[in-house]
Amino acid sequence: MKILTVALTAAALSLTAGLAQARDLSPDETLKLRDADTIQAVEKLDAAALALHPGGKTEDTELEEEYGRYIYQVEVRDAQGVQWDVELDATNAQVLKNQRDD
């Protein structure tokens, strides 16, 4: 019984720790990171996402710090009206995810 309790507690703690690893950054934090040349300008990140879907438009954006890495998340609606979830490394605009949103 003690082993089961310990195992369940460890599993719960590891799940909680994983959830706390990502946090949304405020617009002020984003500007400070851009001004310090830590991340790319939002315009450049948007352009990189839109290059994947020519004729598309950005609908929602968010910058997160995730496991010490800055991730720019953007929703793009392409010219055919399909919505895409795109994630970029905010430091260099490298595409990390380009997935159709269901």
PDB file of N, CA and C in Angstrom:
ATOM      1  N   MET A   1       0.823  -1.192   0.000  1.00  0.00           N
ATOM      2  CA  MET A   1       0.000   0.000   0.000  1.00  0.00           C
ATOM      3  C   MET A   1       0.865   1.254   0.000  1.00  0.00           C
ATOM      4  N   LYS A   2       1.961   1.230   0.795  1.00  0.00           N
ATOM      5  CA  LYS A   2       2.839   2.398   0.842  1.00  0.00           C
ATOM      6  C   LYS A   2       3.496   2.656  -0.507  1.00  0.00           C
ATOM      7  N   ILE A   3       3.839   1.595  -1.207  1.00  0.00           N
ATOM      8  CA  ILE A   3       4.484   1.739  -2.517  1.00  0.00           C
ATOM      9  C   ILE A   3       3.517   2.395  -3.502  1.00  0.00           C
ATOM     10  N   LEU A   4       2.266   1.984  -3.477  1.00  0.00           N
ATOM     11  CA  LEU A   4       1.255   2.563  -4.351  1.00  0.00           C
ATOM     12  C   LEU A   4       1.063   4.049  -4.037  1.00  0.00           C
ATOM     13  N   THR A   5       1.017   4.409  -2.774  1.00  0.00           N
ATOM     14  CA  THR A   5       0.856   5.805  -2.373  1.00  0.00           C
ATOM     15  C   THR A   5       2.034   6.644  -2.844  1.00  0.00           C
ATOM     16  N   VAL A   6       3.227   6.118  -2.676  1.00  0.00           N
ATOM     17  CA  VAL A   6       4.429   6.829  -3.109  1.00  0.00           C
ATOM     18  C   VAL A   6       4.423   6.998  -4.626  1.00  0.00           C
ATOM     19  N   ALA A   7       4.050   5.959  -5.343  1.00  0.00           N
ATOM     20  CA  ALA A   7       4.029   6.025  -6.803  1.00  0.00           C
ATOM     21  C   ALA A   7       3.002   7.042  -7.293  1.00  0.00           C
ATOM     22  N   LEU A   8       1.813   7.047  -6.709  1.00  0.00           N
ATOM     23  CA  LEU A   8       0.783   8.013  -7.101  1.00  0.00           C
ATOM     24  C   LEU A   8       1.196   9.445  -6.774  1.00  0.00           C
ATOM     25  N   THR A   9       1.815   9.642  -5.629  1.00  0.00           N
ATOM     26  CA  THR A   9       2.285  10.977  -5.246  1.00  0.00           C
ATOM     27  C   THR A   9       3.359  11.458  -6.206  1.00  0.00           C
ATOM     28  N   ALA A  10       4.288  10.600  -6.559  1.00  0.00           N
ATOM     29  CA  ALA A  10       5.352  10.968  -7.499  1.00  0.00           C
ATOM     30  C   ALA A  10       4.771  11.313  -8.858  1.00  0.00           C
ATOM     31  N   ALA A  11       3.803  10.548  -9.311  1.00  0.00           N
ATOM     32  CA  ALA A  11       3.174  10.822 -10.609  1.00  0.00           C
ATOM     33  C   ALA A  11       2.452  12.162 -10.583  1.00  0.00           C
ATOM     34  N   ALA A  12       1.740  12.447  -9.517  1.00  0.00           N
ATOM     35  CA  ALA A  12       1.016  13.719  -9.401  1.00  0.00           C
ATOM     36  C   ALA A  12       1.987  14.895  -9.376  1.00  0.00           C
ATOM     37  N   LEU A  13       3.076  14.763  -8.654  1.00  0.00           N
ATOM     38  CA  LEU A  13       4.068  15.839  -8.589  1.00  0.00           C
ATOM     39  C   LEU A  13       4.724  16.088  -9.939  1.00  0.00           C
ATOM     40  N   SER A  14       5.023  15.038 -10.669  1.00  0.00           N
ATOM     41  CA  SER A  14       5.657  15.229 -11.971  1.00  0.00           C
ATOM     42  C   SER A  14       4.689  15.868 -12.961  1.00  0.00           C
ATOM     43  N   LEU A  15       3.408  15.538 -12.891  1.00  0.00           N
ATOM     44  CA  LEU A  15       2.418  16.185 -13.759  1.00  0.00           C
ATOM     45  C   LEU A  15       2.286  17.656 -13.416  1.00  0.00           C
ATOM     46  N   THR A  16       2.251  17.981 -12.144  1.00  0.00           N
ATOM     47  CA  THR A  16       2.137  19.372 -11.710  1.00  0.00           C
ATOM     48  C   THR A  16       3.364  20.163 -12.128  1.00  0.00           C
ATOM     49  N   ALA A  17       4.536  19.577 -11.998  1.00  0.00           N
ATOM     50  CA  ALA A  17       5.765  20.266 -12.393  1.00  0.00           C
ATOM     51  C   ALA A  17       5.765  20.543 -13.886  1.00  0.00           C
ATOM     52  N   GLY A  18       5.256  19.605 -14.683  1.00  0.00           N
ATOM     53  CA  GLY A  18       5.197  19.803 -16.131  1.00  0.00           C
ATOM     54  C   GLY A  18       4.274  20.934 -16.519  1.00  0.00           C
ATOM     55  N   LEU A  19       3.183  21.091 -15.816  1.00  0.00           N
ATOM     56  CA  LEU A  19       2.241  22.163 -16.119  1.00  0.00           C
ATOM     57  C   LEU A  19       2.822  23.526 -15.814  1.00  0.00           C
ATOM     58  N   ALA A  20       3.682  23.605 -14.834  1.00  0.00           N
ATOM     59  CA  ALA A  20       4.235  24.891 -14.415  1.00  0.00           C
ATOM     60  C   ALA A  20       5.399  25.336 -15.298  1.00  0.00           C
ATOM     61  N   GLN A  21       5.790  24.539 -16.274  1.00  0.00           N
ATOM     62  CA  GLN A  21       6.957  24.856 -17.080  1.00  0.00           C
ATOM     63  C   GLN A  21       6.684  25.875 -18.179  1.00  0.00           C
ATOM     64  N   ALA A  22       5.439  26.122 -18.526  1.00  0.00           N
ATOM     65  CA  ALA A  22       5.117  27.082 -19.581  1.00  0.00           C
ATOM     66  C   ALA A  22       4.379  28.263 -18.966  1.00  0.00           C
ATOM     67  N   ARG A  23       4.777  29.473 -19.377  1.00  0.00           N
ATOM     68  CA  ARG A  23       4.058  30.650 -18.899  1.00  0.00           C
ATOM     69  C   ARG A  23       3.954  31.661 -20.023  1.00  0.00           C
ATOM     70  N   ASP A  24       2.807  32.312 -20.061  1.00  0.00           N
ATOM     71  CA  ASP A  24       2.578  33.361 -21.053  1.00  0.00           C
ATOM     72  C   ASP A  24       3.351  34.604 -20.655  1.00  0.00           C
ATOM     73  N   LEU A  25       3.918  35.276 -21.657  1.00  0.00           N
ATOM     74  CA  LEU A  25       4.651  36.509 -21.400  1.00  0.00           C
ATOM     75  C   LEU A  25       3.779  37.705 -21.753  1.00  0.00           C
ATOM     76  N   SER A  26       3.887  38.736 -20.955  1.00  0.00           N
ATOM     77  CA  SER A  26       3.105  39.950 -21.179  1.00  0.00           C
ATOM     78  C   SER A  26       3.681  40.734 -22.358  1.00  0.00           C
ATOM     79  N   PRO A  27       2.898  41.670 -22.900  1.00  0.00           N
ATOM     80  CA  PRO A  27       3.430  42.522 -23.971  1.00  0.00           C
ATOM     81  C   PRO A  27       4.678  43.292 -23.546  1.00  0.00           C
ATOM     82  N   ASP A  28       4.721  43.739 -22.291  1.00  0.00           N
ATOM     83  CA  ASP A  28       5.916  44.455 -21.806  1.00  0.00           C
ATOM     84  C   ASP A  28       7.142  43.554 -21.793  1.00  0.00           C
ATOM     85  N   GLU A  29       6.969  42.316 -21.343  1.00  0.00           N
ATOM     86  CA  GLU A  29       8.087  41.366 -21.341  1.00  0.00           C
ATOM     87  C   GLU A  29       8.539  41.078 -22.768  1.00  0.00           C
ATOM     88  N   THR A  30       7.583  40.951 -23.670  1.00  0.00           N
ATOM     89  CA  THR A  30       7.901  40.694 -25.076  1.00  0.00           C
ATOM     90  C   THR A  30       8.736  41.829 -25.659  1.00  0.00           C
ATOM     91  N   LEU A  31       8.347  43.061 -25.390  1.00  0.00           N
ATOM     92  CA  LEU A  31       9.102  44.217 -25.899  1.00  0.00           C
ATOM     93  C   LEU A  31      10.516  44.255 -25.324  1.00  0.00           C
ATOM     94  N   LYS A  32      10.650  43.957 -24.043  1.00  0.00           N
ATOM     95  CA  LYS A  32      11.986  43.946 -23.423  1.00  0.00           C
ATOM     96  C   LYS A  32      12.880  42.883 -24.065  1.00  0.00           C
ATOM     97  N   LEU A  33      12.312  41.702 -24.313  1.00  0.00           N
ATOM     98  CA  LEU A  33      13.094  40.636 -24.945  1.00  0.00           C
ATOM     99  C   LEU A  33      13.487  41.007 -26.368  1.00  0.00           C
ATOM    100  N   ARG A  34      12.575  41.648 -27.094  1.00  0.00           N
ATOM    101  CA  ARG A  34      12.881  42.088 -28.458  1.00  0.00           C
ATOM    102  C   ARG A  34      13.962  43.166 -28.443  1.00  0.00           C
ATOM    103  N   ASP A  35      13.833  44.143 -27.550  1.00  0.00           N
ATOM    104  CA  ASP A  35      14.805  45.229 -27.463  1.00  0.00           C
ATOM    105  C   ASP A  35      16.190  44.729 -27.065  1.00  0.00           C
ATOM    106  N   ALA A  36      16.230  43.638 -26.312  1.00  0.00           N
ATOM    107  CA  ALA A  36      17.509  43.041 -25.907  1.00  0.00           C
ATOM    108  C   ALA A  36      18.044  42.076 -26.962  1.00  0.00           C
ATOM    109  N   ASP A  37      17.356  41.982 -28.105  1.00  0.00           N
ATOM    110  CA  ASP A  37      17.707  41.054 -29.179  1.00  0.00           C
ATOM    111  C   ASP A  37      17.709  39.596 -28.729  1.00  0.00           C
ATOM    112  N   THR A  38      16.872  39.285 -27.743  1.00  0.00           N
ATOM    113  CA  THR A  38      16.723  37.908 -27.289  1.00  0.00           C
ATOM    114  C   THR A  38      15.769  37.155 -28.209  1.00  0.00           C
ATOM    115  N   ILE A  39      14.716  37.846 -28.664  1.00  0.00           N
ATOM    116  CA  ILE A  39      13.762  37.245 -29.595  1.00  0.00           C
ATOM    117  C   ILE A  39      13.664  38.117 -30.842  1.00  0.00           C
ATOM    118  N   GLN A  40      13.116  37.532 -31.890  1.00  0.00           N
ATOM    119  CA  GLN A  40      12.886  38.252 -33.142  1.00  0.00           C
ATOM    120  C   GLN A  40      11.695  39.197 -32.965  1.00  0.00           C
ATOM    121  N   ALA A  41      11.599  40.197 -33.808  1.00  0.00           N
ATOM    122  CA  ALA A  41      10.452  41.090 -33.794  1.00  0.00           C
ATOM    123  C   ALA A  41       9.197  40.308 -34.162  1.00  0.00           C
ATOM    124  N   VAL A  42       8.089  40.682 -33.567  1.00  0.00           N
ATOM    125  CA  VAL A  42       6.817  40.006 -33.811  1.00  0.00           C
ATOM    126  C   VAL A  42       6.474  40.035 -35.300  1.00  0.00           C
ATOM    127  N   GLU A  43       6.767  41.116 -35.979  1.00  0.00           N
ATOM    128  CA  GLU A  43       6.492  41.227 -37.410  1.00  0.00           C
ATOM    129  C   GLU A  43       7.249  40.167 -38.202  1.00  0.00           C
ATOM    130  N   LYS A  44       8.487  39.903 -37.817  1.00  0.00           N
ATOM    131  CA  LYS A  44       9.282  38.879 -38.499  1.00  0.00           C
ATOM    132  C   LYS A  44       8.733  37.480 -38.204  1.00  0.00           C
ATOM    133  N   LEU A  45       8.301  37.258 -36.973  1.00  0.00           N
ATOM    134  CA  LEU A  45       7.727  35.961 -36.609  1.00  0.00           C
ATOM    135  C   LEU A  45       6.411  35.730 -37.338  1.00  0.00           C
ATOM    136  N   ASP A  46       5.582  36.785 -37.415  1.00  0.00           N
ATOM    137  CA  ASP A  46       4.328  36.666 -38.172  1.00  0.00           C
ATOM    138  C   ASP A  46       4.608  36.360 -39.644  1.00  0.00           C
ATOM    139  N   ALA A  47       5.595  37.042 -40.210  1.00  0.00           N
ATOM    140  CA  ALA A  47       5.938  36.818 -41.624  1.00  0.00           C
ATOM    141  C   ALA A  47       6.393  35.373 -41.856  1.00  0.00           C
ATOM    142  N   ALA A  48       7.145  34.820 -40.915  1.00  0.00           N
ATOM    143  CA  ALA A  48       7.598  33.433 -41.043  1.00  0.00           C
ATOM    144  C   ALA A  48       6.410  32.469 -41.008  1.00  0.00           C
ATOM    145  N   ALA A  49       5.442  32.746 -40.144  1.00  0.00           N
ATOM    146  CA  ALA A  49       4.250  31.892 -40.070  1.00  0.00           C
ATOM    147  C   ALA A  49       3.411  32.028 -41.331  1.00  0.00           C
ATOM    148  N   LEU A  50       3.258  33.251 -41.817  1.00  0.00           N
ATOM    149  CA  LEU A  50       2.448  33.477 -43.015  1.00  0.00           C
ATOM    150  C   LEU A  50       3.110  32.920 -44.272  1.00  0.00           C
ATOM    151  N   ALA A  51       4.425  32.828 -44.279  1.00  0.00           N
ATOM    152  CA  ALA A  51       5.131  32.256 -45.429  1.00  0.00           C
ATOM    153  C   ALA A  51       4.752  30.782 -45.630  1.00  0.00           C
ATOM    154  N   LEU A  52       4.338  30.131 -44.559  1.00  0.00           N
ATOM    155  CA  LEU A  52       3.903  28.734 -44.652  1.00  0.00           C
ATOM    156  C   LEU A  52       2.527  28.608 -45.300  1.00  0.00           C
ATOM    157  N   HIS A  53       1.757  29.705 -45.266  1.00  0.00           N
ATOM    158  CA  HIS A  53       0.383  29.702 -45.767  1.00  0.00           C
ATOM    159  C   HIS A  53       0.136  30.999 -46.537  1.00  0.00           C
ATOM    160  N   PRO A  54       0.669  31.096 -47.755  1.00  0.00           N
ATOM    161  CA  PRO A  54       0.540  32.314 -48.554  1.00  0.00           C
ATOM    162  C   PRO A  54      -0.928  32.744 -48.687  1.00  0.00           C
ATOM    163  N   GLY A  55      -1.145  34.033 -48.522  1.00  0.00           N
ATOM    164  CA  GLY A  55      -2.498  34.576 -48.600  1.00  0.00           C
ATOM    165  C   GLY A  55      -3.258  34.458 -47.295  1.00  0.00           C
ATOM    166  N   GLY A  56      -2.618  33.897 -46.275  1.00  0.00           N
ATOM    167  CA  GLY A  56      -3.269  33.726 -44.981  1.00  0.00           C
ATOM    168  C   GLY A  56      -3.196  34.980 -44.123  1.00  0.00           C
ATOM    169  N   LYS A  57      -3.877  34.919 -42.999  1.00  0.00           N
ATOM    170  CA  LYS A  57      -3.893  36.030 -42.045  1.00  0.00           C
ATOM    171  C   LYS A  57      -3.710  35.479 -40.638  1.00  0.00           C
ATOM    172  N   THR A  58      -2.976  36.229 -39.814  1.00  0.00           N
ATOM    173  CA  THR A  58      -2.829  35.830 -38.418  1.00  0.00           C
ATOM    174  C   THR A  58      -4.104  36.198 -37.670  1.00  0.00           C
ATOM    175  N   GLU A  59      -4.515  35.333 -36.764  1.00  0.00           N
ATOM    176  CA  GLU A  59      -5.734  35.576 -35.995  1.00  0.00           C
ATOM    177  C   GLU A  59      -5.463  35.746 -34.509  1.00  0.00           C
ATOM    178  N   ASP A  60      -4.521  35.027 -33.971  1.00  0.00           N
ATOM    179  CA  ASP A  60      -4.225  35.111 -32.547  1.00  0.00           C
ATOM    180  C   ASP A  60      -2.758  34.757 -32.359  1.00  0.00           C
ATOM    181  N   THR A  61      -2.084  35.504 -31.492  1.00  0.00           N
ATOM    182  CA  THR A  61      -0.673  35.235 -31.233  1.00  0.00           C
ATOM    183  C   THR A  61      -0.420  35.216 -29.733  1.00  0.00           C
ATOM    184  N   GLU A  62       0.653  34.527 -29.354  1.00  0.00           N
ATOM    185  CA  GLU A  62       1.016  34.417 -27.949  1.00  0.00           C
ATOM    186  C   GLU A  62       2.495  34.056 -27.857  1.00  0.00           C
ATOM    187  N   LEU A  63       3.169  34.653 -26.893  1.00  0.00           N
ATOM    188  CA  LEU A  63       4.559  34.300 -26.627  1.00  0.00           C
ATOM    189  C   LEU A  63       4.613  33.608 -25.276  1.00  0.00           C
ATOM    190  N   GLU A  64       5.236  32.440 -25.251  1.00  0.00           N
ATOM    191  CA  GLU A  64       5.381  31.672 -24.021  1.00  0.00           C
ATOM    192  C   GLU A  64       6.838  31.375 -23.763  1.00  0.00           C
ATOM    193  N   GLU A  65       7.162  31.282 -22.498  1.00  0.00           N
ATOM    194  CA  GLU A  65       8.456  30.736 -22.101  1.00  0.00           C
ATOM    195  C   GLU A  65       8.179  29.308 -21.664  1.00  0.00           C
ATOM    196  N   GLU A  66       8.783  28.374 -22.364  1.00  0.00           N
ATOM    197  CA  GLU A  66       8.502  26.958 -22.149  1.00  0.00           C
ATOM    198  C   GLU A  66       9.820  26.222 -21.983  1.00  0.00           C
ATOM    199  N   TYR A  67      10.071  25.725 -20.787  1.00  0.00           N
ATOM    200  CA  TYR A  67      11.315  25.012 -20.479  1.00  0.00           C
ATOM    201  C   TYR A  67      12.536  25.848 -20.848  1.00  0.00           C
ATOM    202  N   GLY A  68      12.483  27.141 -20.552  1.00  0.00           N
ATOM    203  CA  GLY A  68      13.611  28.027 -20.818  1.00  0.00           C
ATOM    204  C   GLY A  68      13.734  28.455 -22.270  1.00  0.00           C
ATOM    205  N   ARG A  69      12.759  28.134 -23.074  1.00  0.00           N
ATOM    206  CA  ARG A  69      12.777  28.464 -24.504  1.00  0.00           C
ATOM    207  C   ARG A  69      11.591  29.380 -24.813  1.00  0.00           C
ATOM    208  N   TYR A  70      11.788  30.361 -25.690  1.00  0.00           N
ATOM    209  CA  TYR A  70      10.729  31.279 -26.056  1.00  0.00           C
ATOM    210  C   TYR A  70      10.015  30.751 -27.307  1.00  0.00           C
ATOM    211  N   ILE A  71       8.711  30.472 -27.156  1.00  0.00           N
ATOM    212  CA  ILE A  71       7.908  29.893 -28.224  1.00  0.00           C
ATOM    213  C   ILE A  71       6.839  30.895 -28.624  1.00  0.00           C
ATOM    214  N   TYR A  72       6.800  31.224 -29.912  1.00  0.00           N
ATOM    215  CA  TYR A  72       5.788  32.125 -30.448  1.00  0.00           C
ATOM    216  C   TYR A  72       4.712  31.259 -31.088  1.00  0.00           C
ATOM    217  N   GLN A  73       3.493  31.372 -30.576  1.00  0.00           N
ATOM    218  CA  GLN A  73       2.377  30.592 -31.090  1.00  0.00           C
ATOM    219  C   GLN A  73       1.454  31.522 -31.861  1.00  0.00           C
ATOM    220  N   VAL A  74       1.072  31.101 -33.049  1.00  0.00           N
ATOM    221  CA  VAL A  74       0.202  31.931 -33.883  1.00  0.00           C
ATOM    222  C   VAL A  74      -0.825  31.052 -34.586  1.00  0.00           C
ATOM    223  N   GLU A  75      -2.045  31.544 -34.617  1.00  0.00           N
ATOM    224  CA  GLU A  75      -3.094  30.893 -35.395  1.00  0.00           C
ATOM    225  C   GLU A  75      -3.186  31.610 -36.725  1.00  0.00           C
ATOM    226  N   VAL A  76      -3.113  30.844 -37.806  1.00  0.00           N
ATOM    227  CA  VAL A  76      -3.163  31.398 -39.161  1.00  0.00           C
ATOM    228  C   VAL A  76      -4.379  30.816 -39.871  1.00  0.00           C
ATOM    229  N   ARG A  77      -5.145  31.679 -40.512  1.00  0.00           N
ATOM    230  CA  ARG A  77      -6.243  31.214 -41.368  1.00  0.00           C
ATOM    231  C   ARG A  77      -5.773  31.395 -42.801  1.00  0.00           C
ATOM    232  N   ASP A  78      -5.678  30.278 -43.542  1.00  0.00           N
ATOM    233  CA  ASP A  78      -5.151  30.348 -44.906  1.00  0.00           C
ATOM    234  C   ASP A  78      -6.200  30.889 -45.880  1.00  0.00           C
ATOM    235  N   ALA A  79      -5.814  31.033 -47.126  1.00  0.00           N
ATOM    236  CA  ALA A  79      -6.684  31.624 -48.148  1.00  0.00           C
ATOM    237  C   ALA A  79      -7.949  30.795 -48.383  1.00  0.00           C
ATOM    238  N   GLN A  80      -7.918  29.515 -48.037  1.00  0.00           N
ATOM    239  CA  GLN A  80      -9.083  28.653 -48.203  1.00  0.00           C
ATOM    240  C   GLN A  80      -9.963  28.622 -46.942  1.00  0.00           C
ATOM    241  N   GLY A  81      -9.569  29.370 -45.913  1.00  0.00           N
ATOM    242  CA  GLY A  81     -10.339  29.426 -44.676  1.00  0.00           C
ATOM    243  C   GLY A  81      -9.968  28.377 -43.646  1.00  0.00           C
ATOM    244  N   VAL A  82      -8.919  27.605 -43.914  1.00  0.00           N
ATOM    245  CA  VAL A  82      -8.469  26.569 -42.983  1.00  0.00           C
ATOM    246  C   VAL A  82      -7.594  27.210 -41.917  1.00  0.00           C
ATOM    247  N   GLN A  83      -7.823  26.828 -40.657  1.00  0.00           N
ATOM    248  CA  GLN A  83      -7.037  27.378 -39.564  1.00  0.00           C
ATOM    249  C   GLN A  83      -5.865  26.458 -39.235  1.00  0.00           C
ATOM    250  N   TRP A  84      -4.699  27.069 -39.005  1.00  0.00           N
ATOM    251  CA  TRP A  84      -3.467  26.352 -38.698  1.00  0.00           C
ATOM    252  C   TRP A  84      -2.889  26.858 -37.383  1.00  0.00           C
ATOM    253  N   ASP A  85      -2.341  25.934 -36.600  1.00  0.00           N
ATOM    254  CA  ASP A  85      -1.588  26.284 -35.401  1.00  0.00           C
ATOM    255  C   ASP A  85      -0.108  26.196 -35.759  1.00  0.00           C
ATOM    256  N   VAL A  86       0.554  27.329 -35.633  1.00  0.00           N
ATOM    257  CA  VAL A  86       1.975  27.392 -35.970  1.00  0.00           C
ATOM    258  C   VAL A  86       2.740  27.799 -34.711  1.00  0.00           C
ATOM    259  N   GLU A  87       3.832  27.099 -34.446  1.00  0.00           N
ATOM    260  CA  GLU A  87       4.724  27.457 -33.347  1.00  0.00           C
ATOM    261  C   GLU A  87       6.108  27.692 -33.915  1.00  0.00           C
ATOM    262  N   LEU A  88       6.713  28.783 -33.468  1.00  0.00           N
ATOM    263  CA  LEU A  88       8.055  29.153 -33.918  1.00  0.00           C
ATOM    264  C   LEU A  88       8.963  29.350 -32.720  1.00  0.00           C
ATOM    265  N   ASP A  89      10.232  29.026 -32.892  1.00  0.00           N
ATOM    266  CA  ASP A  89      11.231  29.412 -31.905  1.00  0.00           C
ATOM    267  C   ASP A  89      11.380  30.923 -32.044  1.00  0.00           C
ATOM    268  N   ALA A  90      11.048  31.667 -31.005  1.00  0.00           N
ATOM    269  CA  ALA A  90      11.022  33.132 -31.098  1.00  0.00           C
ATOM    270  C   ALA A  90      12.413  33.741 -31.220  1.00  0.00           C
ATOM    271  N   THR A  91      13.456  32.972 -30.948  1.00  0.00           N
ATOM    272  CA  THR A  91      14.807  33.523 -31.057  1.00  0.00           C
ATOM    273  C   THR A  91      15.331  33.535 -32.482  1.00  0.00           C
ATOM    274  N   ASN A  92      14.808  32.617 -33.332  1.00  0.00           N
ATOM    275  CA  ASN A  92      15.348  32.524 -34.693  1.00  0.00           C
ATOM    276  C   ASN A  92      14.286  32.265 -35.770  1.00  0.00           C
ATOM    277  N   ALA A  93      13.013  32.241 -35.391  1.00  0.00           N
ATOM    278  CA  ALA A  93      11.876  32.037 -36.298  1.00  0.00           C
ATOM    279  C   ALA A  93      11.833  30.637 -36.921  1.00  0.00           C
ATOM    280  N   GLN A  94      12.544  29.676 -36.348  1.00  0.00           N
ATOM    281  CA  GLN A  94      12.500  28.300 -36.847  1.00  0.00           C
ATOM    282  C   GLN A  94      11.123  27.709 -36.554  1.00  0.00           C
ATOM    283  N   VAL A  95      10.550  27.044 -37.550  1.00  0.00           N
ATOM    284  CA  VAL A  95       9.236  26.422 -37.400  1.00  0.00           C
ATOM    285  C   VAL A  95       9.363  25.171 -36.545  1.00  0.00           C
ATOM    286  N   LEU A  96       8.586  25.123 -35.470  1.00  0.00           N
ATOM    287  CA  LEU A  96       8.566  23.967 -34.583  1.00  0.00           C
ATOM    288  C   LEU A  96       7.328  23.123 -34.800  1.00  0.00           C
ATOM    289  N   LYS A  97       6.246  23.779 -35.220  1.00  0.00           N
ATOM    290  CA  LYS A  97       4.975  23.081 -35.424  1.00  0.00           C
ATOM    291  C   LYS A  97       4.183  23.831 -36.493  1.00  0.00           C
ATOM    292  N   ASN A  98       3.564  23.087 -37.371  1.00  0.00           N
ATOM    293  CA  ASN A  98       2.677  23.642 -38.387  1.00  0.00           C
ATOM    294  C   ASN A  98       1.583  22.613 -38.586  1.00  0.00           C
ATOM    295  N   GLN A  99       0.511  22.760 -37.806  1.00  0.00           N
ATOM    296  CA  GLN A  99      -0.509  21.718 -37.745  1.00  0.00           C
ATOM    297  C   GLN A  99      -1.885  22.306 -38.019  1.00  0.00           C
ATOM    298  N   ARG A 100      -2.634  21.618 -38.819  1.00  0.00           N
ATOM    299  CA  ARG A 100      -4.005  22.036 -39.100  1.00  0.00           C
ATOM    300  C   ARG A 100      -4.827  21.936 -37.812  1.00  0.00           C
ATOM    301  N   ASP A 101      -5.585  22.995 -37.529  1.00  0.00           N
ATOM    302  CA  ASP A 101      -6.432  23.017 -36.332  1.00  0.00           C
ATOM    303  C   ASP A 101      -7.768  22.399 -36.667  1.00  0.00           C
ATOM    304  N   ASP A 102      -8.144  21.381 -35.916  1.00  0.00           N
ATOM    305  CA  ASP A 102      -9.406  20.681 -36.184  1.00  0.00           C
ATOM    306  C   ASP A 102     -10.582  21.367 -35.579  1.00  0.00           C
TER     307      ASP A 102
END
